[in-house]
């Protein structure tokens, strides 16, 4: 190898080493790999370029800036809220909100922090909707209230590119005095139903007795048949002595005075 070749090799190495170093710095900043559920909102010199991904995304170092967005369903817990219902009953409630990003660009550009904004909207909406509901509705029609909450929150978050998929009121805590009052009310209701059932049974029994009396009045022989059936039932028992009542109807022909 002559001097020229050695000189060229040295010059090549002098340029190659810095180039490799520069590429090792630039390539990680210029390339991003996004998963299937991720999107990259790219800004070039502060101007929105658009959402890219999934897969390999190329950026211009220093010029481009990327905001990574997750499109999976996000869950937030709405903190416990003290709410006064429409019938003036104080309750403590909390809820869970399920939502996802459907427009990554709007979620970055139109709201500073979509997660915090959605959480605050959920808190205020929870207080507003439950404040317009009565306690019985809150306890018995939970699904309808959940659906109303979901529609209202989704309407507020739609301009931000956020889709609220479900809202669930998780826990409703009542004051101890209200719990005792509801227990007394439930007990009173059970007693009322028992009395109504007993009264209906007595009414039906009396109605059947009236029908039986009417039938016997039309067909007196039915009474004698019933009498014989009763004697048969008594004789079936293990008794040493059996007292058989004599119906007055059997003596009626003997009690009548003979006509002269």
C-alpha atoms as a PDB file:
ATOM      1  CA  UNK A   1       0.000   0.000   0.000  1.00  0.00           C
ATOM      2  CA  UNK A   2       1.538   3.318  -1.100  1.00  0.00           C
ATOM      3  CA  UNK A   3       1.339   6.624   0.693  1.00  0.00           C
ATOM      4  CA  UNK A   4      -1.642   7.881  -1.348  1.00  0.00           C
ATOM      5  CA  UNK A   5      -3.752   4.898  -0.420  1.00  0.00           C
ATOM      6  CA  UNK A   6      -2.832   5.283   3.228  1.00  0.00           C
ATOM      7  CA  UNK A   7      -3.681   8.956   3.068  1.00  0.00           C
ATOM      8  CA  UNK A   8      -7.062   8.201   1.490  1.00  0.00           C
ATOM      9  CA  UNK A   9      -7.842   5.550   4.104  1.00  0.00           C
ATOM     10  CA  UNK A  10      -6.998   7.927   6.890  1.00  0.00           C
ATOM     11  CA  UNK A  11      -9.178  10.654   5.387  1.00  0.00           C
ATOM     12  CA  UNK A  12     -12.006   8.148   4.972  1.00  0.00           C
ATOM     13  CA  UNK A  13     -11.797   7.110   8.596  1.00  0.00           C
ATOM     14  CA  UNK A  14     -11.672  10.748   9.657  1.00  0.00           C
ATOM     15  CA  UNK A  15     -14.952  11.407   7.844  1.00  0.00           C
ATOM     16  CA  UNK A  16     -16.554   8.029   8.631  1.00  0.00           C
ATOM     17  CA  UNK A  17     -16.275   8.236  12.403  1.00  0.00           C
ATOM     18  CA  UNK A  18     -18.027  11.635  12.728  1.00  0.00           C
ATOM     19  CA  UNK A  19     -20.652  10.523  10.200  1.00  0.00           C
ATOM     20  CA  UNK A  20     -21.416   7.397  12.211  1.00  0.00           C
ATOM     21  CA  UNK A  21     -21.596   9.451  15.374  1.00  0.00           C
ATOM     22  CA  UNK A  22     -23.942  11.962  13.728  1.00  0.00           C
ATOM     23  CA  UNK A  23     -26.170   9.214  12.337  1.00  0.00           C
ATOM     24  CA  UNK A  24     -26.360   7.547  15.736  1.00  0.00           C
ATOM     25  CA  UNK A  25     -27.613  10.853  17.137  1.00  0.00           C
ATOM     26  CA  UNK A  26     -29.920  11.884  14.294  1.00  0.00           C
ATOM     27  CA  UNK A  27     -31.622   8.584  13.466  1.00  0.00           C
ATOM     28  CA  UNK A  28     -33.189   8.021  16.925  1.00  0.00           C
ATOM     29  CA  UNK A  29     -34.500  11.565  16.796  1.00  0.00           C
ATOM     30  CA  UNK A  30     -35.787  11.169  13.235  1.00  0.00           C
ATOM     31  CA  UNK A  31     -37.480   7.780  13.568  1.00  0.00           C
ATOM     32  CA  UNK A  32     -40.354   6.690  15.793  1.00  0.00           C
ATOM     33  CA  UNK A  33     -42.101   3.332  15.945  1.00  0.00           C
ATOM     34  CA  UNK A  34     -45.771   3.504  16.952  1.00  0.00           C
ATOM     35  CA  UNK A  35     -47.901   0.578  18.097  1.00  0.00           C
ATOM     36  CA  UNK A  36     -51.268  -0.230  16.574  1.00  0.00           C
ATOM     37  CA  UNK A  37     -53.154   1.736  19.248  1.00  0.00           C
ATOM     38  CA  UNK A  38     -50.883   4.813  19.079  1.00  0.00           C
ATOM     39  CA  UNK A  39     -50.851   7.899  16.858  1.00  0.00           C
ATOM     40  CA  UNK A  40     -48.310  10.680  16.466  1.00  0.00           C
ATOM     41  CA  UNK A  41     -49.567  14.258  16.159  1.00  0.00           C
ATOM     42  CA  UNK A  42     -46.730  16.043  14.356  1.00  0.00           C
ATOM     43  CA  UNK A  43     -45.953  19.781  14.471  1.00  0.00           C
ATOM     44  CA  UNK A  44     -43.448  21.301  12.046  1.00  0.00           C
ATOM     45  CA  UNK A  45     -42.071  24.616  13.226  1.00  0.00           C
ATOM     46  CA  UNK A  46     -45.177  24.935  15.400  1.00  0.00           C
ATOM     47  CA  UNK A  47     -47.634  24.201  12.570  1.00  0.00           C
ATOM     48  CA  UNK A  48     -49.871  21.130  12.746  1.00  0.00           C
ATOM     49  CA  UNK A  49     -48.925  18.620  10.056  1.00  0.00           C
ATOM     50  CA  UNK A  50     -51.346  15.876  11.058  1.00  0.00           C
ATOM     51  CA  UNK A  51     -51.603  12.523  12.779  1.00  0.00           C
ATOM     52  CA  UNK A  52     -49.322   9.701  11.634  1.00  0.00           C
ATOM     53  CA  UNK A  53     -48.990   6.029  12.453  1.00  0.00           C
ATOM     54  CA  UNK A  54     -49.077   3.266  13.359  1.00  0.00           C
ATOM     55  CA  UNK A  55     -45.719   1.835  12.287  1.00  0.00           C
ATOM     56  CA  UNK A  56     -42.532   3.708  11.388  1.00  0.00           C
ATOM     57  CA  UNK A  57     -42.757   7.510  11.437  1.00  0.00           C
ATOM     58  CA  UNK A  58     -39.969   9.784  10.150  1.00  0.00           C
ATOM     59  CA  UNK A  59     -39.396  13.226  11.649  1.00  0.00           C
ATOM     60  CA  UNK A  60     -37.086  16.071  10.768  1.00  0.00           C
ATOM     61  CA  UNK A  61     -34.840  16.581  13.774  1.00  0.00           C
ATOM     62  CA  UNK A  62     -35.154  19.959  15.506  1.00  0.00           C
ATOM     63  CA  UNK A  63     -37.861  21.000  13.016  1.00  0.00           C
ATOM     64  CA  UNK A  64     -40.586  18.463  13.876  1.00  0.00           C
ATOM     65  CA  UNK A  65     -42.112  17.808  17.270  1.00  0.00           C
ATOM     66  CA  UNK A  66     -44.312  14.790  17.986  1.00  0.00           C
ATOM     67  CA  UNK A  67     -47.039  14.236  20.581  1.00  0.00           C
ATOM     68  CA  UNK A  68     -47.824  10.557  21.179  1.00  0.00           C
ATOM     69  CA  UNK A  69     -51.518   9.748  21.725  1.00  0.00           C
ATOM     70  CA  UNK A  70     -53.056   6.519  23.042  1.00  0.00           C
ATOM     71  CA  UNK A  71     -56.318   5.433  21.370  1.00  0.00           C
ATOM     72  CA  UNK A  72     -57.255   2.756  23.907  1.00  0.00           C
ATOM     73  CA  UNK A  73     -60.144   3.168  26.336  1.00  0.00           C
ATOM     74  CA  UNK A  74     -59.129   5.268  29.346  1.00  0.00           C
ATOM     75  CA  UNK A  75     -60.750   4.942  32.774  1.00  0.00           C
ATOM     76  CA  UNK A  76     -60.951   7.753  35.302  1.00  0.00           C
ATOM     77  CA  UNK A  77     -62.462   7.694  38.775  1.00  0.00           C
ATOM     78  CA  UNK A  78     -64.704  10.597  39.663  1.00  0.00           C
ATOM     79  CA  UNK A  79     -63.998  11.536  43.271  1.00  0.00           C
ATOM     80  CA  UNK A  80     -66.746  11.257  45.869  1.00  0.00           C
ATOM     81  CA  UNK A  81     -69.229  14.100  45.627  1.00  0.00           C
ATOM     82  CA  UNK A  82     -71.623  15.433  48.262  1.00  0.00           C
ATOM     83  CA  UNK A  83     -74.931  15.838  46.435  1.00  0.00           C
ATOM     84  CA  UNK A  84     -78.331  17.060  47.603  1.00  0.00           C
ATOM     85  CA  UNK A  85     -81.094  15.286  45.698  1.00  0.00           C
ATOM     86  CA  UNK A  86     -84.243  16.994  44.495  1.00  0.00           C
ATOM     87  CA  UNK A  87     -86.168  15.702  47.528  1.00  0.00           C
ATOM     88  CA  UNK A  88     -83.514  17.209  49.866  1.00  0.00           C
ATOM     89  CA  UNK A  89     -81.671  14.024  50.821  1.00  0.00           C
ATOM     90  CA  UNK A  90     -77.880  14.386  51.201  1.00  0.00           C
ATOM     91  CA  UNK A  91     -75.962  11.531  49.547  1.00  0.00           C
ATOM     92  CA  UNK A  92     -72.332  10.819  48.730  1.00  0.00           C
ATOM     93  CA  UNK A  93     -71.690   9.348  45.290  1.00  0.00           C
ATOM     94  CA  UNK A  94     -68.758   8.481  43.076  1.00  0.00           C
ATOM     95  CA  UNK A  95     -68.551   7.257  39.498  1.00  0.00           C
ATOM     96  CA  UNK A  96     -66.325   5.762  36.810  1.00  0.00           C
ATOM     97  CA  UNK A  97     -65.988   7.267  33.320  1.00  0.00           C
ATOM     98  CA  UNK A  98     -64.815   5.275  30.286  1.00  0.00           C
ATOM     99  CA  UNK A  99     -63.665   7.220  27.219  1.00  0.00           C
ATOM    100  CA  UNK A 100     -61.238   7.088  24.311  1.00  0.00           C
ATOM    101  CA  UNK A 101     -59.564   9.429  21.827  1.00  0.00           C
ATOM    102  CA  UNK A 102     -61.226   9.371  18.406  1.00  0.00           C
ATOM    103  CA  UNK A 103     -59.569  12.524  17.010  1.00  0.00           C
ATOM    104  CA  UNK A 104     -55.924  12.800  18.143  1.00  0.00           C
ATOM    105  CA  UNK A 105     -55.421  16.177  16.493  1.00  0.00           C
ATOM    106  CA  UNK A 106     -58.360  17.791  18.304  1.00  0.00           C
ATOM    107  CA  UNK A 107     -57.321  16.207  21.627  1.00  0.00           C
ATOM    108  CA  UNK A 108     -53.926  17.962  21.327  1.00  0.00           C
ATOM    109  CA  UNK A 109     -54.888  21.257  19.704  1.00  0.00           C
ATOM    110  CA  UNK A 110     -58.296  22.124  21.165  1.00  0.00           C
ATOM    111  CA  UNK A 111     -57.710  21.366  24.844  1.00  0.00           C
ATOM    112  CA  UNK A 112     -54.638  21.726  27.014  1.00  0.00           C
ATOM    113  CA  UNK A 113     -55.129  18.558  29.069  1.00  0.00           C
ATOM    114  CA  UNK A 114     -57.971  16.362  27.829  1.00  0.00           C
ATOM    115  CA  UNK A 115     -57.675  13.977  30.787  1.00  0.00           C
ATOM    116  CA  UNK A 116     -58.093  16.671  33.423  1.00  0.00           C
ATOM    117  CA  UNK A 117     -60.775  18.469  31.426  1.00  0.00           C
ATOM    118  CA  UNK A 118     -62.825  15.284  31.043  1.00  0.00           C
ATOM    119  CA  UNK A 119     -62.500  14.533  34.752  1.00  0.00           C
ATOM    120  CA  UNK A 120     -63.722  18.017  35.751  1.00  0.00           C
ATOM    121  CA  UNK A 121     -66.640  17.870  33.320  1.00  0.00           C
ATOM    122  CA  UNK A 122     -67.616  14.484  34.781  1.00  0.00           C
ATOM    123  CA  UNK A 123     -67.578  15.871  38.340  1.00  0.00           C
ATOM    124  CA  UNK A 124     -69.754  18.896  37.561  1.00  0.00           C
ATOM    125  CA  UNK A 125     -72.169  16.851  35.442  1.00  0.00           C
ATOM    126  CA  UNK A 126     -72.503  14.241  38.189  1.00  0.00           C
ATOM    127  CA  UNK A 127     -73.498  16.880  40.720  1.00  0.00           C
ATOM    128  CA  UNK A 128     -75.903  18.559  38.320  1.00  0.00           C
ATOM    129  CA  UNK A 129     -77.748  15.439  37.147  1.00  0.00           C
ATOM    130  CA  UNK A 130     -78.057  13.827  40.582  1.00  0.00           C
ATOM    131  CA  UNK A 131     -79.205  17.127  42.060  1.00  0.00           C
ATOM    132  CA  UNK A 132     -82.175  17.024  39.680  1.00  0.00           C
ATOM    133  CA  UNK A 133     -83.097  13.429  40.594  1.00  0.00           C
ATOM    134  CA  UNK A 134     -85.015  12.111  43.576  1.00  0.00           C
ATOM    135  CA  UNK A 135     -83.554   9.474  45.879  1.00  0.00           C
ATOM    136  CA  UNK A 136     -85.918   6.757  44.635  1.00  0.00           C
ATOM    137  CA  UNK A 137     -84.834   7.424  41.045  1.00  0.00           C
ATOM    138  CA  UNK A 138     -81.169   7.280  42.041  1.00  0.00           C
ATOM    139  CA  UNK A 139     -81.633   3.913  43.727  1.00  0.00           C
ATOM    140  CA  UNK A 140     -84.114   2.277  41.352  1.00  0.00           C
ATOM    141  CA  UNK A 141     -83.241   3.761  37.945  1.00  0.00           C
ATOM    142  CA  UNK A 142     -79.437   3.724  38.017  1.00  0.00           C
ATOM    143  CA  UNK A 143     -79.152   2.712  34.342  1.00  0.00           C
ATOM    144  CA  UNK A 144     -81.209   5.684  33.163  1.00  0.00           C
ATOM    145  CA  UNK A 145     -79.063   8.093  35.209  1.00  0.00           C
ATOM    146  CA  UNK A 146     -75.875   6.488  33.834  1.00  0.00           C
ATOM    147  CA  UNK A 147     -77.140   6.945  30.303  1.00  0.00           C
ATOM    148  CA  UNK A 148     -78.020  10.603  30.953  1.00  0.00           C
ATOM    149  CA  UNK A 149     -74.560  11.260  32.412  1.00  0.00           C
ATOM    150  CA  UNK A 150     -72.881   9.605  29.432  1.00  0.00           C
ATOM    151  CA  UNK A 151     -74.837  11.674  26.916  1.00  0.00           C
ATOM    152  CA  UNK A 152     -74.164  14.992  28.649  1.00  0.00           C
ATOM    153  CA  UNK A 153     -70.447  14.395  29.236  1.00  0.00           C
ATOM    154  CA  UNK A 154     -69.979  13.116  25.673  1.00  0.00           C
ATOM    155  CA  UNK A 155     -71.661  16.227  24.294  1.00  0.00           C
ATOM    156  CA  UNK A 156     -69.159  18.427  26.159  1.00  0.00           C
ATOM    157  CA  UNK A 157     -66.070  16.407  25.207  1.00  0.00           C
ATOM    158  CA  UNK A 158     -66.960  15.823  21.552  1.00  0.00           C
ATOM    159  CA  UNK A 159     -65.192  19.027  20.318  1.00  0.00           C
ATOM    160  CA  UNK A 160     -61.992  17.755  21.982  1.00  0.00           C
ATOM    161  CA  UNK A 161     -62.006  14.512  20.018  1.00  0.00           C
ATOM    162  CA  UNK A 162     -62.957  12.526  23.133  1.00  0.00           C
ATOM    163  CA  UNK A 163     -65.715   9.893  22.942  1.00  0.00           C
ATOM    164  CA  UNK A 164     -67.312   8.926  26.266  1.00  0.00           C
ATOM    165  CA  UNK A 165     -68.380   5.285  25.948  1.00  0.00           C
ATOM    166  CA  UNK A 166     -69.901   4.690  29.405  1.00  0.00           C
ATOM    167  CA  UNK A 167     -70.478   6.259  32.812  1.00  0.00           C
ATOM    168  CA  UNK A 168     -71.259   4.163  35.880  1.00  0.00           C
ATOM    169  CA  UNK A 169     -72.422   5.547  39.237  1.00  0.00           C
ATOM    170  CA  UNK A 170     -70.464   3.180  41.447  1.00  0.00           C
ATOM    171  CA  UNK A 171     -71.486   3.834  45.044  1.00  0.00           C
ATOM    172  CA  UNK A 172     -74.307   5.737  46.745  1.00  0.00           C
ATOM    173  CA  UNK A 173     -73.820   6.364  50.470  1.00  0.00           C
ATOM    174  CA  UNK A 174     -76.847   7.422  52.510  1.00  0.00           C
ATOM    175  CA  UNK A 175     -76.879   9.027  55.974  1.00  0.00           C
ATOM    176  CA  UNK A 176     -77.483   6.626  58.876  1.00  0.00           C
ATOM    177  CA  UNK A 177     -80.776   8.331  59.739  1.00  0.00           C
ATOM    178  CA  UNK A 178     -82.006   7.804  56.193  1.00  0.00           C
ATOM    179  CA  UNK A 179     -80.976   4.131  56.278  1.00  0.00           C
ATOM    180  CA  UNK A 180     -82.989   3.582  59.469  1.00  0.00           C
ATOM    181  CA  UNK A 181     -85.992   5.419  58.022  1.00  0.00           C
ATOM    182  CA  UNK A 182     -85.861   3.299  54.861  1.00  0.00           C
ATOM    183  CA  UNK A 183     -85.610   0.118  56.955  1.00  0.00           C
ATOM    184  CA  UNK A 184     -88.728   1.127  58.917  1.00  0.00           C
ATOM    185  CA  UNK A 185     -90.529   1.967  55.705  1.00  0.00           C
ATOM    186  CA  UNK A 186     -89.639  -1.418  54.196  1.00  0.00           C
ATOM    187  CA  UNK A 187     -90.838  -3.221  57.330  1.00  0.00           C
ATOM    188  CA  UNK A 188     -94.119  -1.304  57.302  1.00  0.00           C
ATOM    189  CA  UNK A 189     -94.587  -2.135  53.642  1.00  0.00           C
ATOM    190  CA  UNK A 190     -94.028  -5.842  54.316  1.00  0.00           C
ATOM    191  CA  UNK A 191     -96.599  -5.778  57.139  1.00  0.00           C
ATOM    192  CA  UNK A 192     -99.092  -3.999  54.899  1.00  0.00           C
ATOM    193  CA  UNK A 193     -98.672  -6.609  52.168  1.00  0.00           C
ATOM    194  CA  UNK A 194     -99.105  -9.442  54.697  1.00  0.00           C
ATOM    195  CA  UNK A 195    -102.342  -7.908  55.975  1.00  0.00           C
ATOM    196  CA  UNK A 196    -103.622  -7.433  52.438  1.00  0.00           C
ATOM    197  CA  UNK A 197    -102.850 -11.068  51.590  1.00  0.00           C
ATOM    198  CA  UNK A 198    -104.613 -12.281  54.757  1.00  0.00           C
ATOM    199  CA  UNK A 199    -107.634 -10.098  54.022  1.00  0.00           C
ATOM    200  CA  UNK A 200    -107.803 -11.426  50.457  1.00  0.00           C
ATOM    201  CA  UNK A 201    -107.635 -14.986  51.815  1.00  0.00           C
ATOM    202  CA  UNK A 202    -110.474 -14.314  54.283  1.00  0.00           C
ATOM    203  CA  UNK A 203    -112.536 -12.715  51.537  1.00  0.00           C
ATOM    204  CA  UNK A 204    -112.061 -15.672  49.202  1.00  0.00           C
ATOM    205  CA  UNK A 205    -112.922 -18.130  52.015  1.00  0.00           C
ATOM    206  CA  UNK A 206    -116.083 -16.196  52.886  1.00  0.00           C
ATOM    207  CA  UNK A 207    -117.025 -16.084  49.228  1.00  0.00           C
ATOM    208  CA  UNK A 208    -116.689 -19.860  48.951  1.00  0.00           C
ATOM    209  CA  UNK A 209    -118.795 -20.345  52.103  1.00  0.00           C
ATOM    210  CA  UNK A 210    -121.519 -18.144  50.644  1.00  0.00           C
ATOM    211  CA  UNK A 211    -121.464 -20.203  47.447  1.00  0.00           C
ATOM    212  CA  UNK A 212    -121.650 -23.426  49.471  1.00  0.00           C
ATOM    213  CA  UNK A 213    -124.582 -22.102  51.520  1.00  0.00           C
ATOM    214  CA  UNK A 214    -126.404 -21.108  48.360  1.00  0.00           C
ATOM    215  CA  UNK A 215    -125.867 -24.552  46.881  1.00  0.00           C
ATOM    216  CA  UNK A 216    -127.097 -26.284  50.050  1.00  0.00           C
ATOM    217  CA  UNK A 217    -130.169 -24.066  50.099  1.00  0.00           C
ATOM    218  CA  UNK A 218    -131.013 -25.160  46.563  1.00  0.00           C
ATOM    219  CA  UNK A 219    -130.016 -28.824  47.056  1.00  0.00           C
ATOM    220  CA  UNK A 220    -130.493 -29.912  50.756  1.00  0.00           C
ATOM    221  CA  UNK A 221    -129.199 -33.353  49.886  1.00  0.00           C
ATOM    222  CA  UNK A 222    -125.705 -31.806  49.600  1.00  0.00           C
ATOM    223  CA  UNK A 223    -125.743 -31.205  53.357  1.00  0.00           C
ATOM    224  CA  UNK A 224    -126.524 -34.847  54.036  1.00  0.00           C
ATOM    225  CA  UNK A 225    -123.721 -35.965  51.719  1.00  0.00           C
ATOM    226  CA  UNK A 226    -121.347 -33.676  53.539  1.00  0.00           C
ATOM    227  CA  UNK A 227    -122.607 -35.112  56.832  1.00  0.00           C
ATOM    228  CA  UNK A 228    -121.906 -38.662  55.725  1.00  0.00           C
ATOM    229  CA  UNK A 229    -118.448 -37.680  54.492  1.00  0.00           C
ATOM    230  CA  UNK A 230    -117.659 -36.102  57.861  1.00  0.00           C
ATOM    231  CA  UNK A 231    -118.768 -39.280  59.704  1.00  0.00           C
ATOM    232  CA  UNK A 232    -116.504 -41.314  57.439  1.00  0.00           C
ATOM    233  CA  UNK A 233    -113.537 -39.080  58.237  1.00  0.00           C
ATOM    234  CA  UNK A 234    -114.199 -39.283  61.988  1.00  0.00           C
ATOM    235  CA  UNK A 235    -114.544 -43.069  61.962  1.00  0.00           C
ATOM    236  CA  UNK A 236    -111.185 -43.378  60.263  1.00  0.00           C
ATOM    237  CA  UNK A 237    -109.395 -42.056  63.338  1.00  0.00           C
ATOM    238  CA  UNK A 238    -108.347 -44.398  66.153  1.00  0.00           C
ATOM    239  CA  UNK A 239    -111.010 -43.428  68.648  1.00  0.00           C
ATOM    240  CA  UNK A 240    -112.646 -45.646  71.268  1.00  0.00           C
ATOM    241  CA  UNK A 241    -115.719 -43.466  71.376  1.00  0.00           C
ATOM    242  CA  UNK A 242    -117.264 -41.605  68.471  1.00  0.00           C
ATOM    243  CA  UNK A 243    -119.992 -39.034  68.960  1.00  0.00           C
ATOM    244  CA  UNK A 244    -122.093 -38.603  65.882  1.00  0.00           C
ATOM    245  CA  UNK A 245    -124.094 -35.378  65.710  1.00  0.00           C
ATOM    246  CA  UNK A 246    -127.585 -35.739  64.415  1.00  0.00           C
ATOM    247  CA  UNK A 247    -128.506 -33.012  61.959  1.00  0.00           C
ATOM    248  CA  UNK A 248    -131.808 -31.331  62.655  1.00  0.00           C
ATOM    249  CA  UNK A 249    -132.785 -31.776  59.015  1.00  0.00           C
ATOM    250  CA  UNK A 250    -133.193 -35.512  59.594  1.00  0.00           C
ATOM    251  CA  UNK A 251    -135.748 -34.872  62.347  1.00  0.00           C
ATOM    252  CA  UNK A 252    -137.759 -32.354  60.370  1.00  0.00           C
ATOM    253  CA  UNK A 253    -140.313 -34.907  59.095  1.00  0.00           C
ATOM    254  CA  UNK A 254    -140.967 -36.103  62.664  1.00  0.00           C
ATOM    255  CA  UNK A 255    -141.312 -32.655  64.102  1.00  0.00           C
ATOM    256  CA  UNK A 256    -144.017 -31.651  61.687  1.00  0.00           C
ATOM    257  CA  UNK A 257    -147.495 -32.094  63.106  1.00  0.00           C
ATOM    258  CA  UNK A 258    -149.644 -34.482  61.153  1.00  0.00           C
ATOM    259  CA  UNK A 259    -152.488 -32.820  59.411  1.00  0.00           C
ATOM    260  CA  UNK A 260    -155.938 -34.000  60.644  1.00  0.00           C
END
